[in-house]
C-alpha atoms as a PDB file:
ATOM      1  CA  UNK A   1       0.099  -0.165   0.011  1.00  0.00           C
ATOM      2  CA  UNK A   2       1.468   3.395  -0.909  1.00  0.00           C
ATOM      3  CA  UNK A   3       1.573   6.024   1.759  1.00  0.00           C
ATOM      4  CA  UNK A   4      -0.809   9.103   1.091  1.00  0.00           C
ATOM      5  CA  UNK A   5       2.347  11.699   1.900  1.00  0.00           C
ATOM      6  CA  UNK A   6       6.331  11.324   1.250  1.00  0.00           C
ATOM      7  CA  UNK A   7       8.380  13.753   2.791  1.00  0.00           C
ATOM      8  CA  UNK A   8      12.343  14.743   1.593  1.00  0.00           C
ATOM      9  CA  UNK A   9      14.920  15.310   3.791  1.00  0.00           C
ATOM     10  CA  UNK A  10      18.166  16.858   1.653  1.00  0.00           C
ATOM     11  CA  UNK A  11      21.335  17.053   3.148  1.00  0.00           C
ATOM     12  CA  UNK A  12      24.961  18.126   2.462  1.00  0.00           C
ATOM     13  CA  UNK A  13      27.204  18.497   5.685  1.00  0.00           C
ATOM     14  CA  UNK A  14      24.048  19.004   8.104  1.00  0.00           C
ATOM     15  CA  UNK A  15      25.466  16.324  10.525  1.00  0.00           C
ATOM     16  CA  UNK A  16      24.423  18.566  13.694  1.00  0.00           C
ATOM     17  CA  UNK A  17      20.599  18.912  12.652  1.00  0.00           C
ATOM     18  CA  UNK A  18      19.753  15.886  10.829  1.00  0.00           C
ATOM     19  CA  UNK A  19      19.240  13.405  13.488  1.00  0.00           C
ATOM     20  CA  UNK A  20      16.957  16.103  14.674  1.00  0.00           C
ATOM     21  CA  UNK A  21      14.892  16.433  11.254  1.00  0.00           C
ATOM     22  CA  UNK A  22      14.573  12.750  11.275  1.00  0.00           C
ATOM     23  CA  UNK A  23      13.171  12.233  14.670  1.00  0.00           C
ATOM     24  CA  UNK A  24      10.786  14.943  14.026  1.00  0.00           C
ATOM     25  CA  UNK A  25       9.252  13.138  11.214  1.00  0.00           C
ATOM     26  CA  UNK A  26       9.228   9.862  12.666  1.00  0.00           C
ATOM     27  CA  UNK A  27       7.399  11.457  15.778  1.00  0.00           C
ATOM     28  CA  UNK A  28       4.400  13.205  14.032  1.00  0.00           C
ATOM     29  CA  UNK A  29       1.125  11.756  14.771  1.00  0.00           C
ATOM     30  CA  UNK A  30       0.123  11.569  11.566  1.00  0.00           C
ATOM     31  CA  UNK A  31       1.475   7.930  10.349  1.00  0.00           C
ATOM     32  CA  UNK A  32       0.648   6.977   6.906  1.00  0.00           C
ATOM     33  CA  UNK A  33       4.126   8.620   4.914  1.00  0.00           C
ATOM     34  CA  UNK A  34       7.325   7.597   4.127  1.00  0.00           C
ATOM     35  CA  UNK A  35      10.637   9.207   4.395  1.00  0.00           C
ATOM     36  CA  UNK A  36      13.094   9.794   1.883  1.00  0.00           C
ATOM     37  CA  UNK A  37      16.561  10.663   2.756  1.00  0.00           C
ATOM     38  CA  UNK A  38      19.101  12.210   0.319  1.00  0.00           C
ATOM     39  CA  UNK A  39      22.498  13.083   1.098  1.00  0.00           C
ATOM     40  CA  UNK A  40      24.204  14.567  -1.418  1.00  0.00           C
ATOM     41  CA  UNK A  41      27.901  13.486  -0.393  1.00  0.00           C
ATOM     42  CA  UNK A  42      28.309  15.078   2.468  1.00  0.00           C
ATOM     43  CA  UNK A  43      31.795  15.212   3.876  1.00  0.00           C
ATOM     44  CA  UNK A  44      31.083  15.362   7.806  1.00  0.00           C
ATOM     45  CA  UNK A  45      29.172  12.725   9.675  1.00  0.00           C
ATOM     46  CA  UNK A  46      25.792  12.808   8.094  1.00  0.00           C
ATOM     47  CA  UNK A  47      25.987   9.982   6.512  1.00  0.00           C
ATOM     48  CA  UNK A  48      27.030   7.791   9.631  1.00  0.00           C
ATOM     49  CA  UNK A  49      24.001   9.923  11.414  1.00  0.00           C
ATOM     50  CA  UNK A  50      21.614   8.446   9.039  1.00  0.00           C
ATOM     51  CA  UNK A  51      22.871   4.829   8.294  1.00  0.00           C
ATOM     52  CA  UNK A  52      21.607   4.393  12.093  1.00  0.00           C
ATOM     53  CA  UNK A  53      17.912   4.700  10.137  1.00  0.00           C
ATOM     54  CA  UNK A  54      18.832   2.179   7.065  1.00  0.00           C
ATOM     55  CA  UNK A  55      16.204  -0.095   8.860  1.00  0.00           C
ATOM     56  CA  UNK A  56      13.307   1.392   9.396  1.00  0.00           C
ATOM     57  CA  UNK A  57      10.856   0.699   7.459  1.00  0.00           C
ATOM     58  CA  UNK A  58       9.329   3.916   6.512  1.00  0.00           C
ATOM     59  CA  UNK A  59      12.544   4.895   5.268  1.00  0.00           C
ATOM     60  CA  UNK A  60      14.568   5.287   2.312  1.00  0.00           C
ATOM     61  CA  UNK A  61      18.180   6.692   2.057  1.00  0.00           C
ATOM     62  CA  UNK A  62      19.891   7.424  -0.781  1.00  0.00           C
ATOM     63  CA  UNK A  63      23.616   8.460  -1.151  1.00  0.00           C
ATOM     64  CA  UNK A  64      24.642  10.600  -4.105  1.00  0.00           C
END
């Protein structure tokens, strides 16, 4: 079943903010969504933070 809402988070070197942004989406009361995170080649530790969520069923991660 396709979710009704798709949320995109784009990131480039936002390690200080990315986890808070992801958790903000995940903890919404409305739960019929998918979250697509697109990291555009970050050189900080954004990738490691994003990878903590790689097994979440509502999240798709794209590293460019």
